[in-house]
Amino acid sequence: MTRYRSNRPTPVGNVLCGFTKLAIPVKIREYRIFNAWADIVGEAIAKRSMPSHLIGKTLYVNVVSQVWLTELLYQRETLVAKINATLNDEALADIVLKLGTIKNIKRNNKKAKKVVEERKPLTDNQRAYIEKTVRDIKDPEIKDSIKKAMEKAL
């Protein structure tokens, strides 16, 4: 059976349904936290810690040493409250601290402006996830844009 294709535009609601799988609000919240990290926690903590990712309402933060990890454990509730106040919502419920490396940050007037990092090649699982996510998007330009954005995000 042949599908009839209408010349009428697709309703925006139908197009946006495909975007709900991409968790865009979560990525925006994550970006806002990462971008404001130095302002929220202060320069001393920002030099020694860096958010790595956000899952649900839990922020995972890499810390450079056990000493700083212990210090931040004592400040965890305060940090959650500061982040929520900065974002004007209940974006976070918890922070998980772990020893790890932090990315080099170029600072201008004590604010993080640009993160410098080396890109790792995508794994086969990541590529499969991206393909699975964008396969239902009909418009090739939108599909390509979302695919590129996801490749950069992973």
N, C-alpha and C. Protein backbone atom coordinates (compact mmCIF):
# COMPACT_ATOMS: atom_id res chain seq x y z
N MET A 1 0.84 -1.17 0.00
CA MET A 1 0.00 0.00 0.00
C MET A 1 0.89 1.24 0.00
N THR A 2 0.60 2.19 -0.86
CA THR A 2 1.38 3.40 -0.98
C THR A 2 0.88 4.42 0.03
N ARG A 3 1.83 5.11 0.62
CA ARG A 3 1.48 6.15 1.57
C ARG A 3 1.23 7.44 0.84
N TYR A 4 0.17 8.12 1.21
CA TYR A 4 -0.13 9.41 0.61
C TYR A 4 0.63 10.47 1.38
N ARG A 5 1.34 11.31 0.68
CA ARG A 5 2.07 12.40 1.32
C ARG A 5 1.38 13.70 0.99
N SER A 6 0.98 14.37 2.03
CA SER A 6 0.28 15.64 1.87
C SER A 6 1.29 16.75 1.59
N ASN A 7 0.85 17.75 0.83
CA ASN A 7 1.69 18.91 0.57
C ASN A 7 1.59 19.93 1.70
N ARG A 8 0.72 19.63 2.67
CA ARG A 8 0.58 20.55 3.79
C ARG A 8 1.76 20.40 4.74
N PRO A 9 2.09 21.47 5.44
CA PRO A 9 3.20 21.40 6.40
C PRO A 9 2.85 20.46 7.56
N THR A 10 3.87 19.86 8.12
CA THR A 10 3.69 18.99 9.28
C THR A 10 3.47 19.86 10.51
N PRO A 11 2.49 19.54 11.33
CA PRO A 11 2.28 20.33 12.55
C PRO A 11 3.51 20.28 13.46
N VAL A 12 3.80 21.40 14.08
CA VAL A 12 4.97 21.51 14.95
C VAL A 12 4.92 20.46 16.06
N GLY A 13 3.75 20.19 16.58
CA GLY A 13 3.61 19.19 17.64
C GLY A 13 4.10 17.83 17.22
N ASN A 14 3.84 17.46 15.96
CA ASN A 14 4.30 16.17 15.46
C ASN A 14 5.83 16.12 15.34
N VAL A 15 6.41 17.24 14.93
CA VAL A 15 7.86 17.31 14.78
C VAL A 15 8.52 17.26 16.16
N LEU A 16 7.97 18.00 17.12
CA LEU A 16 8.58 18.08 18.44
C LEU A 16 8.49 16.78 19.21
N CYS A 17 7.55 15.93 18.88
CA CYS A 17 7.45 14.62 19.55
C CYS A 17 8.75 13.84 19.40
N GLY A 18 9.39 13.95 18.27
CA GLY A 18 10.65 13.25 18.04
C GLY A 18 11.79 13.79 18.88
N PHE A 19 11.69 15.04 19.30
CA PHE A 19 12.75 15.66 20.09
C PHE A 19 12.70 15.27 21.56
N THR A 20 11.58 14.75 22.04
CA THR A 20 11.48 14.41 23.46
C THR A 20 12.45 13.32 23.85
N LYS A 21 12.82 12.46 22.91
CA LYS A 21 13.77 11.39 23.20
C LYS A 21 15.18 11.93 23.43
N LEU A 22 15.46 13.12 22.97
CA LEU A 22 16.81 13.67 23.04
C LEU A 22 17.15 14.27 24.40
N ALA A 23 16.19 14.40 25.29
CA ALA A 23 16.39 14.96 26.63
C ALA A 23 17.05 16.34 26.57
N ILE A 24 16.55 17.17 25.70
CA ILE A 24 17.12 18.51 25.52
C ILE A 24 17.04 19.35 26.80
N PRO A 25 15.93 19.34 27.57
CA PRO A 25 15.91 20.12 28.80
C PRO A 25 17.01 19.71 29.79
N VAL A 26 17.32 18.43 29.85
CA VAL A 26 18.37 17.96 30.74
C VAL A 26 19.73 18.47 30.26
N LYS A 27 19.96 18.43 28.96
CA LYS A 27 21.23 18.91 28.41
C LYS A 27 21.39 20.42 28.63
N ILE A 28 20.28 21.16 28.53
CA ILE A 28 20.33 22.60 28.77
C ILE A 28 20.66 22.87 30.23
N ARG A 29 20.02 22.13 31.14
CA ARG A 29 20.30 22.29 32.57
C ARG A 29 21.76 21.95 32.86
N GLU A 30 22.26 20.87 32.25
CA GLU A 30 23.65 20.47 32.42
C GLU A 30 24.58 21.57 31.94
N TYR A 31 24.29 22.13 30.78
CA TYR A 31 25.12 23.21 30.22
C TYR A 31 25.13 24.42 31.15
N ARG A 32 23.97 24.77 31.67
CA ARG A 32 23.89 25.93 32.56
C ARG A 32 24.71 25.72 33.83
N ILE A 33 24.67 24.52 34.38
CA ILE A 33 25.46 24.22 35.58
C ILE A 33 26.95 24.27 35.25
N PHE A 34 27.35 23.63 34.17
CA PHE A 34 28.77 23.60 33.79
C PHE A 34 29.29 25.01 33.53
N ASN A 35 28.49 25.80 32.84
CA ASN A 35 28.91 27.15 32.47
C ASN A 35 29.05 28.06 33.69
N ALA A 36 28.20 27.87 34.69
CA ALA A 36 28.19 28.74 35.87
C ALA A 36 28.98 28.15 37.04
N TRP A 37 29.63 27.00 36.85
CA TRP A 37 30.29 26.30 37.95
C TRP A 37 31.25 27.21 38.73
N ALA A 38 32.14 27.90 38.05
CA ALA A 38 33.13 28.75 38.73
C ALA A 38 32.45 29.86 39.52
N ASP A 39 31.39 30.44 39.00
CA ASP A 39 30.68 31.50 39.70
C ASP A 39 29.93 30.96 40.92
N ILE A 40 29.42 29.75 40.80
CA ILE A 40 28.63 29.16 41.90
C ILE A 40 29.52 28.74 43.05
N VAL A 41 30.60 28.03 42.77
CA VAL A 41 31.41 27.44 43.84
C VAL A 41 32.58 28.31 44.26
N GLY A 42 32.94 29.28 43.46
CA GLY A 42 34.10 30.11 43.77
C GLY A 42 35.34 29.58 43.07
N GLU A 43 36.30 30.47 42.93
CA GLU A 43 37.48 30.12 42.14
C GLU A 43 38.33 29.03 42.78
N ALA A 44 38.46 29.02 44.10
CA ALA A 44 39.30 28.02 44.77
C ALA A 44 38.78 26.61 44.51
N ILE A 45 37.48 26.42 44.64
CA ILE A 45 36.90 25.10 44.41
C ILE A 45 36.89 24.78 42.91
N ALA A 46 36.61 25.78 42.09
CA ALA A 46 36.55 25.56 40.64
C ALA A 46 37.89 25.12 40.07
N LYS A 47 38.99 25.55 40.69
CA LYS A 47 40.32 25.13 40.23
C LYS A 47 40.57 23.66 40.52
N ARG A 48 39.84 23.12 41.48
CA ARG A 48 40.12 21.75 41.94
C ARG A 48 38.98 20.77 41.70
N SER A 49 37.94 21.24 41.05
CA SER A 49 36.79 20.36 40.77
C SER A 49 36.12 20.78 39.47
N MET A 50 35.40 19.83 38.87
CA MET A 50 34.72 20.11 37.60
C MET A 50 33.57 19.12 37.46
N PRO A 51 32.37 19.61 37.14
CA PRO A 51 31.26 18.68 36.89
C PRO A 51 31.59 17.80 35.69
N SER A 52 31.26 16.51 35.79
CA SER A 52 31.51 15.64 34.64
C SER A 52 30.23 15.34 33.88
N HIS A 53 29.11 15.11 34.59
CA HIS A 53 27.84 14.88 33.90
C HIS A 53 26.68 14.98 34.90
N LEU A 54 25.49 15.06 34.34
CA LEU A 54 24.27 15.18 35.12
C LEU A 54 23.36 14.04 34.71
N ILE A 55 22.91 13.26 35.69
CA ILE A 55 21.95 12.19 35.42
C ILE A 55 20.75 12.43 36.32
N GLY A 56 19.63 12.72 35.68
CA GLY A 56 18.44 13.05 36.47
C GLY A 56 18.69 14.31 37.27
N LYS A 57 18.58 14.20 38.59
CA LYS A 57 18.84 15.34 39.46
C LYS A 57 20.12 15.14 40.28
N THR A 58 21.02 14.29 39.75
CA THR A 58 22.29 14.03 40.43
C THR A 58 23.43 14.53 39.55
N LEU A 59 24.25 15.42 40.13
CA LEU A 59 25.40 15.96 39.43
C LEU A 59 26.65 15.20 39.87
N TYR A 60 27.42 14.71 38.92
CA TYR A 60 28.66 14.01 39.20
C TYR A 60 29.81 14.98 38.98
N VAL A 61 30.68 15.07 39.99
CA VAL A 61 31.76 16.06 39.97
C VAL A 61 33.09 15.36 40.20
N ASN A 62 34.05 15.65 39.33
CA ASN A 62 35.42 15.15 39.51
C ASN A 62 36.17 16.13 40.41
N VAL A 63 36.96 15.57 41.33
CA VAL A 63 37.76 16.37 42.26
C VAL A 63 39.20 15.88 42.16
N VAL A 64 40.17 16.81 42.26
CA VAL A 64 41.56 16.46 41.99
C VAL A 64 42.25 15.70 43.11
N SER A 65 41.81 15.82 44.36
CA SER A 65 42.50 15.14 45.45
C SER A 65 41.53 14.69 46.52
N GLN A 66 41.98 13.76 47.33
CA GLN A 66 41.15 13.25 48.43
C GLN A 66 40.85 14.35 49.45
N VAL A 67 41.81 15.23 49.67
CA VAL A 67 41.62 16.33 50.62
C VAL A 67 40.45 17.21 50.17
N TRP A 68 40.44 17.59 48.89
CA TRP A 68 39.36 18.44 48.38
C TRP A 68 38.05 17.67 48.30
N LEU A 69 38.11 16.39 48.02
CA LEU A 69 36.89 15.58 47.99
C LEU A 69 36.24 15.58 49.37
N THR A 70 37.05 15.40 50.41
CA THR A 70 36.52 15.42 51.78
C THR A 70 35.93 16.78 52.11
N GLU A 71 36.62 17.84 51.73
CA GLU A 71 36.11 19.19 51.99
C GLU A 71 34.77 19.42 51.30
N LEU A 72 34.67 18.99 50.06
CA LEU A 72 33.43 19.19 49.31
C LEU A 72 32.29 18.30 49.82
N LEU A 73 32.64 17.16 50.41
CA LEU A 73 31.61 16.33 51.03
C LEU A 73 30.90 17.10 52.15
N TYR A 74 31.68 17.87 52.91
CA TYR A 74 31.09 18.68 53.98
C TYR A 74 30.23 19.81 53.42
N GLN A 75 30.55 20.27 52.22
CA GLN A 75 29.83 21.40 51.62
C GLN A 75 28.76 20.97 50.62
N ARG A 76 28.53 19.68 50.49
CA ARG A 76 27.65 19.17 49.44
C ARG A 76 26.26 19.80 49.48
N GLU A 77 25.62 19.85 50.63
CA GLU A 77 24.27 20.41 50.73
C GLU A 77 24.25 21.89 50.36
N THR A 78 25.28 22.60 50.79
CA THR A 78 25.38 24.03 50.46
C THR A 78 25.54 24.22 48.95
N LEU A 79 26.36 23.38 48.33
CA LEU A 79 26.56 23.47 46.88
C LEU A 79 25.27 23.19 46.12
N VAL A 80 24.52 22.18 46.56
CA VAL A 80 23.23 21.87 45.91
C VAL A 80 22.30 23.08 46.02
N ALA A 81 22.24 23.68 47.21
CA ALA A 81 21.37 24.85 47.41
C ALA A 81 21.81 26.03 46.54
N LYS A 82 23.12 26.26 46.43
CA LYS A 82 23.63 27.36 45.58
C LYS A 82 23.29 27.14 44.11
N ILE A 83 23.47 25.90 43.64
CA ILE A 83 23.18 25.60 42.24
C ILE A 83 21.69 25.79 41.97
N ASN A 84 20.85 25.27 42.85
CA ASN A 84 19.40 25.42 42.67
C ASN A 84 18.99 26.90 42.71
N ALA A 85 19.62 27.68 43.58
CA ALA A 85 19.30 29.11 43.65
C ALA A 85 19.75 29.82 42.37
N THR A 86 20.90 29.44 41.84
CA THR A 86 21.41 30.06 40.61
C THR A 86 20.51 29.75 39.42
N LEU A 87 20.01 28.50 39.35
CA LEU A 87 19.17 28.09 38.22
C LEU A 87 17.69 28.42 38.44
N ASN A 88 17.36 28.92 39.62
CA ASN A 88 15.99 29.27 39.97
C ASN A 88 15.01 28.11 39.86
N ASP A 89 15.48 26.91 40.17
CA ASP A 89 14.59 25.76 40.23
C ASP A 89 15.26 24.66 41.02
N GLU A 90 14.57 23.58 41.19
CA GLU A 90 15.11 22.43 41.92
C GLU A 90 15.80 21.50 40.91
N ALA A 91 16.86 21.99 40.30
CA ALA A 91 17.56 21.23 39.26
C ALA A 91 18.32 20.05 39.84
N LEU A 92 18.80 20.18 41.08
CA LEU A 92 19.61 19.13 41.68
C LEU A 92 19.02 18.64 42.98
N ALA A 93 19.22 17.36 43.24
CA ALA A 93 18.87 16.78 44.53
C ALA A 93 20.12 16.31 45.25
N ASP A 94 21.18 15.98 44.49
CA ASP A 94 22.39 15.44 45.11
C ASP A 94 23.60 15.70 44.22
N ILE A 95 24.77 15.66 44.85
CA ILE A 95 26.04 15.74 44.13
C ILE A 95 26.86 14.52 44.54
N VAL A 96 27.38 13.82 43.54
CA VAL A 96 28.27 12.68 43.79
C VAL A 96 29.68 13.14 43.45
N LEU A 97 30.56 13.04 44.42
CA LEU A 97 31.94 13.47 44.24
C LEU A 97 32.83 12.26 44.04
N LYS A 98 33.78 12.38 43.11
CA LYS A 98 34.71 11.28 42.86
C LYS A 98 36.06 11.84 42.46
N LEU A 99 37.09 11.09 42.77
CA LEU A 99 38.43 11.49 42.35
C LEU A 99 38.53 11.35 40.84
N GLY A 100 39.12 12.33 40.21
CA GLY A 100 39.25 12.27 38.76
C GLY A 100 40.03 13.47 38.27
N THR A 101 40.21 13.51 36.97
CA THR A 101 40.93 14.63 36.38
C THR A 101 39.93 15.71 36.02
N ILE A 102 40.42 16.92 35.97
CA ILE A 102 39.57 18.02 35.53
C ILE A 102 40.16 18.61 34.26
N LYS A 103 39.29 19.18 33.45
CA LYS A 103 39.71 19.76 32.18
C LYS A 103 40.42 21.08 32.43
N ASN A 104 41.35 21.41 31.55
CA ASN A 104 42.01 22.71 31.63
C ASN A 104 41.02 23.78 31.23
N ILE A 105 41.00 24.85 31.98
CA ILE A 105 40.07 25.94 31.70
C ILE A 105 40.86 27.22 31.50
N LYS A 106 40.56 27.91 30.44
CA LYS A 106 41.11 29.24 30.25
C LYS A 106 40.19 30.20 30.99
N ARG A 107 40.75 31.00 31.88
CA ARG A 107 39.94 31.91 32.68
C ARG A 107 40.18 33.34 32.22
N ASN A 108 39.09 34.08 32.16
CA ASN A 108 39.16 35.50 31.84
C ASN A 108 38.33 36.22 32.90
N ASN A 109 38.96 37.06 33.69
CA ASN A 109 38.28 37.76 34.77
C ASN A 109 37.60 36.79 35.73
N LYS A 110 38.31 35.72 36.07
CA LYS A 110 37.85 34.71 37.04
C LYS A 110 36.60 33.98 36.61
N LYS A 111 36.28 33.95 35.35
CA LYS A 111 35.12 33.21 34.86
C LYS A 111 35.57 32.19 33.82
N ALA A 112 34.99 31.01 33.89
CA ALA A 112 35.32 29.99 32.90
C ALA A 112 34.69 30.39 31.57
N LYS A 113 35.53 30.51 30.55
CA LYS A 113 35.03 30.92 29.24
C LYS A 113 35.05 29.79 28.24
N LYS A 114 36.10 29.00 28.25
CA LYS A 114 36.21 27.98 27.23
C LYS A 114 36.90 26.75 27.80
N VAL A 115 36.32 25.61 27.56
CA VAL A 115 36.92 24.37 28.02
C VAL A 115 37.76 23.80 26.88
N VAL A 116 39.00 23.47 27.21
CA VAL A 116 39.90 22.92 26.22
C VAL A 116 40.06 21.44 26.55
N GLU A 117 39.70 20.60 25.64
CA GLU A 117 39.83 19.17 25.87
C GLU A 117 40.08 18.45 24.56
N GLU A 118 40.64 17.27 24.69
CA GLU A 118 40.85 16.44 23.51
C GLU A 118 39.63 15.57 23.31
N ARG A 119 39.17 15.45 22.09
CA ARG A 119 38.01 14.62 21.76
C ARG A 119 38.43 13.18 21.60
N LYS A 120 37.72 12.29 22.26
CA LYS A 120 37.94 10.87 22.07
C LYS A 120 37.04 10.41 20.93
N PRO A 121 37.49 9.45 20.14
CA PRO A 121 36.62 8.95 19.08
C PRO A 121 35.40 8.24 19.69
N LEU A 122 34.27 8.34 19.00
CA LEU A 122 33.05 7.70 19.47
C LEU A 122 33.17 6.19 19.40
N THR A 123 32.59 5.53 20.39
CA THR A 123 32.57 4.07 20.38
C THR A 123 31.45 3.60 19.44
N ASP A 124 31.46 2.32 19.11
CA ASP A 124 30.41 1.76 18.26
C ASP A 124 29.05 1.87 18.94
N ASN A 125 29.01 1.67 20.26
CA ASN A 125 27.75 1.80 21.00
C ASN A 125 27.21 3.23 20.94
N GLN A 126 28.10 4.22 21.06
CA GLN A 126 27.66 5.61 20.98
C GLN A 126 27.13 5.93 19.58
N ARG A 127 27.83 5.45 18.56
CA ARG A 127 27.36 5.68 17.19
C ARG A 127 25.99 5.02 16.96
N ALA A 128 25.82 3.81 17.47
CA ALA A 128 24.55 3.10 17.33
C ALA A 128 23.43 3.86 18.05
N TYR A 129 23.74 4.40 19.23
CA TYR A 129 22.75 5.17 19.99
C TYR A 129 22.32 6.42 19.20
N ILE A 130 23.28 7.10 18.62
CA ILE A 130 22.97 8.30 17.83
C ILE A 130 22.09 7.93 16.64
N GLU A 131 22.47 6.89 15.92
CA GLU A 131 21.69 6.46 14.75
C GLU A 131 20.27 6.07 15.16
N LYS A 132 20.15 5.37 16.26
CA LYS A 132 18.83 4.95 16.74
C LYS A 132 17.97 6.16 17.11
N THR A 133 18.60 7.17 17.69
CA THR A 133 17.88 8.36 18.12
C THR A 133 17.37 9.19 16.95
N VAL A 134 18.16 9.31 15.89
CA VAL A 134 17.80 10.19 14.78
C VAL A 134 17.11 9.48 13.62
N ARG A 135 16.97 8.17 13.70
CA ARG A 135 16.45 7.43 12.54
C ARG A 135 15.02 7.81 12.16
N ASP A 136 14.19 8.26 13.12
CA ASP A 136 12.80 8.60 12.81
C ASP A 136 12.61 10.04 12.33
N ILE A 137 13.66 10.81 12.32
CA ILE A 137 13.57 12.21 11.88
C ILE A 137 13.61 12.23 10.36
N LYS A 138 12.59 12.80 9.76
CA LYS A 138 12.45 12.77 8.29
C LYS A 138 13.31 13.82 7.59
N ASP A 139 13.35 15.03 8.13
CA ASP A 139 14.06 16.13 7.50
C ASP A 139 15.57 15.87 7.58
N PRO A 140 16.26 15.76 6.42
CA PRO A 140 17.68 15.43 6.44
C PRO A 140 18.56 16.51 7.09
N GLU A 141 18.18 17.78 6.95
CA GLU A 141 18.98 18.85 7.55
C GLU A 141 18.88 18.81 9.07
N ILE A 142 17.67 18.65 9.58
CA ILE A 142 17.47 18.57 11.03
C ILE A 142 18.16 17.31 11.57
N LYS A 143 18.00 16.24 10.85
CA LYS A 143 18.61 14.97 11.26
C LYS A 143 20.13 15.11 11.36
N ASP A 144 20.72 15.74 10.37
CA ASP A 144 22.17 15.93 10.36
C ASP A 144 22.62 16.86 11.49
N SER A 145 21.86 17.93 11.72
CA SER A 145 22.21 18.87 12.79
C SER A 145 22.16 18.20 14.15
N ILE A 146 21.12 17.43 14.40
CA ILE A 146 20.98 16.75 15.68
C ILE A 146 22.07 15.70 15.84
N LYS A 147 22.37 15.01 14.77
CA LYS A 147 23.42 13.99 14.79
C LYS A 147 24.77 14.62 15.16
N LYS A 148 25.09 15.76 14.55
CA LYS A 148 26.35 16.45 14.85
C LYS A 148 26.38 16.94 16.29
N ALA A 149 25.26 17.47 16.76
CA ALA A 149 25.18 17.95 18.14
C ALA A 149 25.41 16.81 19.14
N MET A 150 24.79 15.67 18.84
CA MET A 150 24.95 14.52 19.73
C MET A 150 26.38 14.00 19.71
N GLU A 151 27.01 14.01 18.54
CA GLU A 151 28.40 13.56 18.44
C GLU A 151 29.31 14.45 19.27
N LYS A 152 29.06 15.75 19.27
CA LYS A 152 29.86 16.67 20.07
C LYS A 152 29.58 16.50 21.55
N ALA A 153 28.34 16.19 21.89
CA ALA A 153 27.96 16.06 23.30
C ALA A 153 28.50 14.79 23.94
N LEU A 154 28.68 13.76 23.13
CA LEU A 154 29.16 12.49 23.71
C LEU A 154 30.63 12.43 23.74
